[in-house]
Amino acid sequence: MITLHDNVDSGNAYKARLLLGQLGLPFRTIAYDVTRGETRTEDFLGRINANGRIPVIEFDDGRCLAESNAILYYFALGTNFFPDDRWRQAEIMQWLFFEQYSHEPFVAVAKFILTMLPPDTPRRAEIPLLHEKGYAALQILEDRLKNRDFLVGGEYSIADIALFAYTHKAEMGGFDLGRFPALQRWIGRVEKMPGFVAMYPKDGSRS
C-alpha cells in the first residue's frame, strides 16, 4: 500500500488525498507537524524529500514522489481526470502551473499565516500584499468559470482539484469569497463529485 506523507492543514497534501479518494485507491497516511520542523529531520531529508516538504507519496519499493501537482499528474494518467486530448492536457498543465505560481503563494500563505502562526507574528505584515495578489488570482478563476462548469473542457479534472484545495478554504486566509459567485458555484459542484472527501474530515468544513 502506498503511503502519503501528509499534513491535514496543507491544501497541497489535500489534493493528493482528494484524488486518491476519488480514484478509490487505498493508501495510508503519516502526518507531520510542519510548524515543529518534523519534515526537517535527518531521516525525512535523507529518505523522503530533500526539500523538506509534504506531500510526498512513498511507494512500496521505497521510491518517493514529491510536489503535489506531480502527484496529481502521476495518478491521473490513464483516467478521466487527465483526458487523452493533447490540447486539453496542455490546458490542464497550464492551470497547474498557474496554481503553483500565481495562486498558492498568496492564497495558501495567507491561510498559513492567519491559522498556523501566533497572532503576534511579524509575518502578518505580509497579509495586505498577499490579499492583493490572491484576489487577482481568484478573479482570474471567477472569470474563467462564469460560463463553465469546470476549468478545462467542461469536465472535472486535476486542474479543478489543484485549484479547489486552497480556494475553497480561502476565507481562512481572510479572503471574501462572497465576491465570487461563479467560484462559489464551482466549489459546490466539486463538493458533489463522486468520491469527494472533505479537507477536514472531522467536521467537513473547518473555518
C-alpha atoms as a PDB file:
ATOM      1  CA  MET A   1       0.000   0.000   0.000  1.00  0.00           C
ATOM      2  CA  ILE A   2       1.261   3.475  -0.839  1.00  0.00           C
ATOM      3  CA  THR A   3       1.989   5.963   1.937  1.00  0.00           C
ATOM      4  CA  LEU A   4       1.083   9.638   1.840  1.00  0.00           C
ATOM      5  CA  HIS A   5       3.335  11.820   3.964  1.00  0.00           C
ATOM      6  CA  ASP A   6       0.706  14.313   4.960  1.00  0.00           C
ATOM      7  CA  ASN A   7      -0.468  17.310   6.975  1.00  0.00           C
ATOM      8  CA  VAL A   8      -4.189  17.888   7.441  1.00  0.00           C
ATOM      9  CA  ASP A   9      -3.867  21.672   7.149  1.00  0.00           C
ATOM     10  CA  SER A  10      -1.952  21.527   3.877  1.00  0.00           C
ATOM     11  CA  GLY A  11      -4.031  22.127   0.785  1.00  0.00           C
ATOM     12  CA  ASN A  12      -1.208  20.657  -1.242  1.00  0.00           C
ATOM     13  CA  ALA A  13      -1.460  17.399   0.699  1.00  0.00           C
ATOM     14  CA  TYR A  14      -5.248  17.549   0.466  1.00  0.00           C
ATOM     15  CA  LYS A  15      -5.000  17.500  -3.330  1.00  0.00           C
ATOM     16  CA  ALA A  16      -3.432  14.053  -3.093  1.00  0.00           C
ATOM     17  CA  ARG A  17      -5.990  12.811  -0.549  1.00  0.00           C
ATOM     18  CA  LEU A  18      -8.847  14.028  -2.719  1.00  0.00           C
ATOM     19  CA  LEU A  19      -7.630  12.445  -5.956  1.00  0.00           C
ATOM     20  CA  LEU A  20      -6.676   9.158  -4.309  1.00  0.00           C
ATOM     21  CA  GLY A  21     -10.080   9.048  -2.641  1.00  0.00           C
ATOM     22  CA  GLN A  22     -11.924   9.757  -5.872  1.00  0.00           C
ATOM     23  CA  LEU A  23      -9.904   7.090  -7.656  1.00  0.00           C
ATOM     24  CA  GLY A  24     -10.696   4.616  -4.876  1.00  0.00           C
ATOM     25  CA  LEU A  25      -7.013   3.865  -4.300  1.00  0.00           C
ATOM     26  CA  PRO A  26      -6.115   2.605  -0.813  1.00  0.00           C
ATOM     27  CA  PHE A  27      -3.361   4.447   0.997  1.00  0.00           C
ATOM     28  CA  ARG A  28      -2.115   5.113   4.491  1.00  0.00           C
ATOM     29  CA  THR A  29      -1.002   8.466   5.854  1.00  0.00           C
ATOM     30  CA  ILE A  30       1.791   9.658   8.102  1.00  0.00           C
ATOM     31  CA  ALA A  31       1.062  13.116   9.494  1.00  0.00           C
ATOM     32  CA  TYR A  32       3.699  15.749  10.207  1.00  0.00           C
ATOM     33  CA  ASP A  33       3.591  18.988  12.177  1.00  0.00           C
ATOM     34  CA  VAL A  34       5.426  21.309   9.814  1.00  0.00           C
ATOM     35  CA  THR A  35       5.486  24.136  12.377  1.00  0.00           C
ATOM     36  CA  ARG A  36       7.658  21.944  14.624  1.00  0.00           C
ATOM     37  CA  GLY A  37      10.115  21.064  11.902  1.00  0.00           C
ATOM     38  CA  GLU A  38       9.034  17.429  11.600  1.00  0.00           C
ATOM     39  CA  THR A  39       9.784  17.451   7.866  1.00  0.00           C
ATOM     40  CA  ARG A  40      13.293  18.785   8.506  1.00  0.00           C
ATOM     41  CA  THR A  41      14.691  15.785  10.339  1.00  0.00           C
ATOM     42  CA  GLU A  42      17.729  13.924   9.048  1.00  0.00           C
ATOM     43  CA  ASP A  43      15.628  10.881   8.191  1.00  0.00           C
ATOM     44  CA  PHE A  44      12.980  12.854   6.303  1.00  0.00           C
ATOM     45  CA  LEU A  45      15.501  14.909   4.350  1.00  0.00           C
ATOM     46  CA  GLY A  46      17.654  11.908   3.572  1.00  0.00           C
ATOM     47  CA  ARG A  47      14.965   9.368   2.734  1.00  0.00           C
ATOM     48  CA  ILE A  48      11.659  11.081   1.948  1.00  0.00           C
ATOM     49  CA  ASN A  49      12.240  14.529   0.428  1.00  0.00           C
ATOM     50  CA  ALA A  50      15.471  16.500   0.408  1.00  0.00           C
ATOM     51  CA  ASN A  51      13.365  19.650   0.033  1.00  0.00           C
ATOM     52  CA  GLY A  52      11.776  19.046   3.443  1.00  0.00           C
ATOM     53  CA  ARG A  53       8.187  19.451   2.309  1.00  0.00           C
ATOM     54  CA  ILE A  54       4.986  17.485   2.113  1.00  0.00           C
ATOM     55  CA  PRO A  55       3.080  15.954   0.413  1.00  0.00           C
ATOM     56  CA  VAL A  56       5.186  13.000  -0.640  1.00  0.00           C
ATOM     57  CA  ILE A  57       3.934   9.679  -1.950  1.00  0.00           C
ATOM     58  CA  GLU A  58       6.097   6.748  -0.863  1.00  0.00           C
ATOM     59  CA  PHE A  59       5.704   3.567  -2.883  1.00  0.00           C
ATOM     60  CA  ASP A  60       6.214   0.031  -1.601  1.00  0.00           C
ATOM     61  CA  ASP A  61       9.585  -0.192  -3.324  1.00  0.00           C
ATOM     62  CA  GLY A  62      10.846   2.885  -1.470  1.00  0.00           C
ATOM     63  CA  ARG A  63      10.552   5.377  -4.319  1.00  0.00           C
ATOM     64  CA  CYS A  64       9.249   8.771  -3.222  1.00  0.00           C
ATOM     65  CA  LEU A  65       7.382  11.299  -5.355  1.00  0.00           C
ATOM     66  CA  ALA A  66       7.136  14.875  -4.075  1.00  0.00           C
ATOM     67  CA  GLU A  67       5.360  18.015  -5.334  1.00  0.00           C
ATOM     68  CA  SER A  68       1.586  17.952  -5.182  1.00  0.00           C
ATOM     69  CA  ASN A  69       0.887  18.578  -8.849  1.00  0.00           C
ATOM     70  CA  ALA A  70       3.405  15.941  -9.940  1.00  0.00           C
ATOM     71  CA  ILE A  71       1.498  13.541  -7.683  1.00  0.00           C
ATOM     72  CA  LEU A  72      -1.790  14.564  -9.313  1.00  0.00           C
ATOM     73  CA  TYR A  73      -0.300  14.024 -12.769  1.00  0.00           C
ATOM     74  CA  TYR A  74       1.117  10.600 -11.898  1.00  0.00           C
ATOM     75  CA  PHE A  75      -2.142   9.181 -10.571  1.00  0.00           C
ATOM     76  CA  ALA A  76      -4.401  10.901 -13.123  1.00  0.00           C
ATOM     77  CA  LEU A  77      -2.635   9.435 -16.159  1.00  0.00           C
ATOM     78  CA  GLY A  78      -4.921   6.990 -17.947  1.00  0.00           C
ATOM     79  CA  THR A  79      -8.022   8.218 -16.090  1.00  0.00           C
ATOM     80  CA  ASN A  80     -10.820  10.685 -16.796  1.00  0.00           C
ATOM     81  CA  PHE A  81      -9.036  13.193 -14.574  1.00  0.00           C
ATOM     82  CA  PHE A  82      -6.457  13.733 -17.352  1.00  0.00           C
ATOM     83  CA  PRO A  83      -8.012  13.351 -20.827  1.00  0.00           C
ATOM     84  CA  ASP A  84      -6.239  11.923 -23.885  1.00  0.00           C
ATOM     85  CA  ASP A  85      -6.664  15.081 -25.971  1.00  0.00           C
ATOM     86  CA  ARG A  86      -3.290  16.861 -26.141  1.00  0.00           C
ATOM     87  CA  TRP A  87      -4.759  20.373 -26.121  1.00  0.00           C
ATOM     88  CA  ARG A  88      -6.808  19.674 -23.013  1.00  0.00           C
ATOM     89  CA  GLN A  89      -3.775  18.083 -21.383  1.00  0.00           C
ATOM     90  CA  ALA A  90      -1.813  21.267 -22.070  1.00  0.00           C
ATOM     91  CA  GLU A  91      -4.648  23.406 -20.701  1.00  0.00           C
ATOM     92  CA  ILE A  92      -4.696  21.327 -17.527  1.00  0.00           C
ATOM     93  CA  MET A  93      -0.941  21.759 -17.133  1.00  0.00           C
ATOM     94  CA  GLN A  94      -1.384  25.491 -17.685  1.00  0.00           C
ATOM     95  CA  TRP A  95      -3.752  25.652 -14.722  1.00  0.00           C
ATOM     96  CA  LEU A  96      -1.439  23.516 -12.582  1.00  0.00           C
ATOM     97  CA  PHE A  97       1.401  25.957 -13.213  1.00  0.00           C
ATOM     98  CA  PHE A  98      -0.916  28.904 -12.566  1.00  0.00           C
ATOM     99  CA  GLU A  99      -1.913  27.370  -9.250  1.00  0.00           C
ATOM    100  CA  GLN A 100       1.659  26.968  -8.048  1.00  0.00           C
ATOM    101  CA  TYR A 101       2.970  30.302  -9.355  1.00  0.00           C
ATOM    102  CA  SER A 102       0.083  32.796  -9.155  1.00  0.00           C
ATOM    103  CA  HIS A 103      -2.415  31.326  -6.674  1.00  0.00           C
ATOM    104  CA  GLU A 104      -0.891  29.110  -3.972  1.00  0.00           C
ATOM    105  CA  PRO A 105       1.903  31.541  -2.984  1.00  0.00           C
ATOM    106  CA  PHE A 106      -0.722  34.084  -1.957  1.00  0.00           C
ATOM    107  CA  VAL A 107      -3.948  32.289  -1.019  1.00  0.00           C
ATOM    108  CA  ALA A 108      -2.208  29.436   0.784  1.00  0.00           C
ATOM    109  CA  VAL A 109       0.405  31.592   2.510  1.00  0.00           C
ATOM    110  CA  ALA A 110      -2.270  33.939   3.879  1.00  0.00           C
ATOM    111  CA  LYS A 111      -4.081  30.913   5.312  1.00  0.00           C
ATOM    112  CA  PHE A 112      -0.845  29.634   6.837  1.00  0.00           C
ATOM    113  CA  ILE A 113      -0.016  32.956   8.497  1.00  0.00           C
ATOM    114  CA  LEU A 114      -3.506  33.524   9.901  1.00  0.00           C
ATOM    115  CA  THR A 115      -4.209  29.993  11.110  1.00  0.00           C
ATOM    116  CA  MET A 116      -0.887  28.356  11.923  1.00  0.00           C
ATOM    117  CA  LEU A 117       1.355  31.149  13.220  1.00  0.00           C
ATOM    118  CA  PRO A 118       0.958  33.093  16.501  1.00  0.00           C
ATOM    119  CA  PRO A 119      -1.259  36.195  16.370  1.00  0.00           C
ATOM    120  CA  ASP A 120       1.748  38.412  17.049  1.00  0.00           C
ATOM    121  CA  THR A 121       3.881  37.007  14.229  1.00  0.00           C
ATOM    122  CA  PRO A 122       5.585  39.771  12.240  1.00  0.00           C
ATOM    123  CA  ARG A 123       4.540  37.901   9.103  1.00  0.00           C
ATOM    124  CA  ARG A 124       1.073  39.413   9.464  1.00  0.00           C
ATOM    125  CA  ALA A 125       2.574  42.441   7.770  1.00  0.00           C
ATOM    126  CA  GLU A 126       2.584  40.360   4.573  1.00  0.00           C
ATOM    127  CA  ILE A 127      -1.209  39.987   4.529  1.00  0.00           C
ATOM    128  CA  PRO A 128      -2.131  43.130   2.509  1.00  0.00           C
ATOM    129  CA  LEU A 129       0.160  42.145  -0.373  1.00  0.00           C
ATOM    130  CA  LEU A 130      -0.943  38.511  -0.182  1.00  0.00           C
ATOM    131  CA  HIS A 131      -4.552  39.643  -0.395  1.00  0.00           C
ATOM    132  CA  GLU A 132      -3.843  41.909  -3.361  1.00  0.00           C
ATOM    133  CA  LYS A 133      -2.166  39.112  -5.310  1.00  0.00           C
ATOM    134  CA  GLY A 134      -4.580  36.448  -4.080  1.00  0.00           C
ATOM    135  CA  TYR A 135      -7.667  38.406  -5.080  1.00  0.00           C
ATOM    136  CA  ALA A 136      -6.165  38.858  -8.551  1.00  0.00           C
ATOM    137  CA  ALA A 137      -5.795  35.077  -8.866  1.00  0.00           C
ATOM    138  CA  LEU A 138      -9.309  34.450  -7.587  1.00  0.00           C
ATOM    139  CA  GLN A 139     -10.687  36.936 -10.106  1.00  0.00           C
ATOM    140  CA  ILE A 140      -8.989  35.030 -12.932  1.00  0.00           C
ATOM    141  CA  LEU A 141     -10.741  31.881 -11.738  1.00  0.00           C
ATOM    142  CA  GLU A 142     -14.044  33.745 -11.411  1.00  0.00           C
ATOM    143  CA  ASP A 143     -13.798  34.977 -14.999  1.00  0.00           C
ATOM    144  CA  ARG A 144     -12.895  31.519 -16.259  1.00  0.00           C
ATOM    145  CA  LEU A 145     -15.825  29.867 -14.513  1.00  0.00           C
ATOM    146  CA  LYS A 146     -18.587  32.353 -15.331  1.00  0.00           C
ATOM    147  CA  ASN A 147     -19.726  30.261 -18.304  1.00  0.00           C
ATOM    148  CA  ARG A 148     -18.086  26.915 -17.495  1.00  0.00           C
ATOM    149  CA  ASP A 149     -18.817  24.138 -15.040  1.00  0.00           C
ATOM    150  CA  PHE A 150     -15.141  23.200 -14.721  1.00  0.00           C
ATOM    151  CA  LEU A 151     -11.815  24.701 -15.690  1.00  0.00           C
ATOM    152  CA  VAL A 152     -10.978  22.611 -18.779  1.00  0.00           C
ATOM    153  CA  GLY A 153     -13.285  21.232 -21.456  1.00  0.00           C
ATOM    154  CA  GLY A 154     -16.371  21.180 -19.275  1.00  0.00           C
ATOM    155  CA  GLU A 155     -15.098  18.105 -17.435  1.00  0.00           C
ATOM    156  CA  TYR A 156     -13.820  17.696 -13.885  1.00  0.00           C
ATOM    157  CA  SER A 157     -10.052  17.179 -13.919  1.00  0.00           C
ATOM    158  CA  ILE A 158      -6.918  17.541 -11.816  1.00  0.00           C
ATOM    159  CA  ALA A 159      -6.958  21.221 -12.789  1.00  0.00           C
ATOM    160  CA  ASP A 160     -10.068  21.578 -10.631  1.00  0.00           C
ATOM    161  CA  ILE A 161      -8.573  19.512  -7.810  1.00  0.00           C
ATOM    162  CA  ALA A 162      -5.381  21.579  -7.776  1.00  0.00           C
ATOM    163  CA  LEU A 163      -7.222  24.886  -7.549  1.00  0.00           C
ATOM    164  CA  PHE A 164     -10.066  23.723  -5.349  1.00  0.00           C
ATOM    165  CA  ALA A 165      -7.768  22.777  -2.467  1.00  0.00           C
ATOM    166  CA  TYR A 166      -6.838  26.240  -1.273  1.00  0.00           C
ATOM    167  CA  THR A 167      -9.641  28.174  -2.983  1.00  0.00           C
ATOM    168  CA  HIS A 168     -12.462  26.540  -1.034  1.00  0.00           C
ATOM    169  CA  LYS A 169     -10.718  27.437   2.238  1.00  0.00           C
ATOM    170  CA  ALA A 170      -9.571  30.886   1.122  1.00  0.00           C
ATOM    171  CA  GLU A 171     -11.706  32.544   3.794  1.00  0.00           C
ATOM    172  CA  MET A 172      -9.333  31.039   6.377  1.00  0.00           C
ATOM    173  CA  GLY A 173      -6.743  33.366   4.833  1.00  0.00           C
ATOM    174  CA  GLY A 174      -9.010  36.388   5.147  1.00  0.00           C
ATOM    175  CA  PHE A 175     -10.381  36.348   1.596  1.00  0.00           C
ATOM    176  CA  ASP A 176     -14.048  37.165   0.948  1.00  0.00           C
ATOM    177  CA  LEU A 177     -15.416  34.505  -1.385  1.00  0.00           C
ATOM    178  CA  GLY A 178     -18.755  36.322  -1.437  1.00  0.00           C
ATOM    179  CA  ARG A 179     -17.198  38.484  -4.138  1.00  0.00           C
ATOM    180  CA  PHE A 180     -17.010  35.495  -6.494  1.00  0.00           C
ATOM    181  CA  PRO A 181     -20.402  33.878  -7.248  1.00  0.00           C
ATOM    182  CA  ALA A 182     -19.162  31.715 -10.129  1.00  0.00           C
ATOM    183  CA  LEU A 183     -16.334  30.459  -7.953  1.00  0.00           C
ATOM    184  CA  GLN A 184     -18.789  29.579  -5.195  1.00  0.00           C
ATOM    185  CA  ARG A 185     -20.965  27.616  -7.625  1.00  0.00           C
ATOM    186  CA  TRP A 186     -17.881  25.743  -8.854  1.00  0.00           C
ATOM    187  CA  ILE A 187     -16.918  24.882  -5.273  1.00  0.00           C
ATOM    188  CA  GLY A 188     -20.383  23.421  -4.797  1.00  0.00           C
ATOM    189  CA  ARG A 189     -20.051  21.332  -7.958  1.00  0.00           C
ATOM    190  CA  VAL A 190     -16.679  19.950  -6.890  1.00  0.00           C
ATOM    191  CA  GLU A 191     -18.066  19.006  -3.481  1.00  0.00           C
ATOM    192  CA  LYS A 192     -20.783  16.957  -5.185  1.00  0.00           C
ATOM    193  CA  MET A 193     -18.401  14.932  -7.351  1.00  0.00           C
ATOM    194  CA  PRO A 194     -18.377  11.148  -6.744  1.00  0.00           C
ATOM    195  CA  GLY A 195     -15.912  10.065  -4.107  1.00  0.00           C
ATOM    196  CA  PHE A 196     -15.415  13.578  -2.750  1.00  0.00           C
ATOM    197  CA  VAL A 197     -13.599  13.733   0.582  1.00  0.00           C
ATOM    198  CA  ALA A 198     -13.516  16.804   2.789  1.00  0.00           C
ATOM    199  CA  MET A 199     -10.248  18.517   3.645  1.00  0.00           C
ATOM    200  CA  TYR A 200     -11.045  18.350   7.335  1.00  0.00           C
ATOM    201  CA  PRO A 201     -12.856  15.031   7.778  1.00  0.00           C
ATOM    202  CA  LYS A 202     -13.897  15.533  11.411  1.00  0.00           C
ATOM    203  CA  ASP A 203     -16.329  18.333  10.718  1.00  0.00           C
ATOM    204  CA  GLY A 204     -16.059  18.609   6.936  1.00  0.00           C
ATOM    205  CA  SER A 205     -15.777  22.385   6.990  1.00  0.00           C
ATOM    206  CA  ARG A 206     -13.118  23.728   9.370  1.00  0.00           C
ATOM    207  CA  SER A 207     -13.073  27.511   9.295  1.00  0.00           C
END
